[in-house]
């Protein structure tokens, strides 16, 4: 489960970079 948590964290950070926002999954 730790791997999944780290993956989600990376994805959220990447989304934040792309959107330049909070990185919501909207």
C-alpha atoms as a PDB file:
ATOM      1  CA  UNK A   1       0.000   0.000   0.000  1.00  0.00           C
ATOM      2  CA  UNK A   2       2.942   2.314   0.588  1.00  0.00           C
ATOM      3  CA  UNK A   3       3.865   2.139  -3.093  1.00  0.00           C
ATOM      4  CA  UNK A   4       0.354   3.216  -4.066  1.00  0.00           C
ATOM      5  CA  UNK A   5       0.479   6.155  -1.666  1.00  0.00           C
ATOM      6  CA  UNK A   6       3.782   7.303  -3.150  1.00  0.00           C
ATOM      7  CA  UNK A   7       2.392   6.925  -6.681  1.00  0.00           C
ATOM      8  CA  UNK A   8      -0.644   9.032  -5.831  1.00  0.00           C
ATOM      9  CA  UNK A   9       1.605  11.655  -4.270  1.00  0.00           C
ATOM     10  CA  UNK A  10       3.726  11.858  -7.434  1.00  0.00           C
ATOM     11  CA  UNK A  11       0.641  12.087  -9.646  1.00  0.00           C
ATOM     12  CA  UNK A  12      -0.848  14.864  -7.502  1.00  0.00           C
ATOM     13  CA  UNK A  13       2.439  16.774  -7.632  1.00  0.00           C
ATOM     14  CA  UNK A  14       2.573  16.363 -11.406  1.00  0.00           C
ATOM     15  CA  UNK A  15      -1.035  17.551 -11.737  1.00  0.00           C
ATOM     16  CA  UNK A  16      -0.189  20.572  -9.597  1.00  0.00           C
ATOM     17  CA  UNK A  17       2.708  21.345 -11.935  1.00  0.00           C
ATOM     18  CA  UNK A  18       0.542  21.062 -15.049  1.00  0.00           C
ATOM     19  CA  UNK A  19      -2.450  22.986 -13.684  1.00  0.00           C
ATOM     20  CA  UNK A  20      -0.352  25.364 -11.622  1.00  0.00           C
ATOM     21  CA  UNK A  21      -3.085  24.834  -9.040  1.00  0.00           C
ATOM     22  CA  UNK A  22      -3.841  22.573  -6.078  1.00  0.00           C
ATOM     23  CA  UNK A  23      -3.763  19.577  -8.406  1.00  0.00           C
ATOM     24  CA  UNK A  24      -7.418  18.598  -8.103  1.00  0.00           C
ATOM     25  CA  UNK A  25      -8.604  15.597 -10.117  1.00  0.00           C
ATOM     26  CA  UNK A  26     -11.502  17.538 -11.621  1.00  0.00           C
END
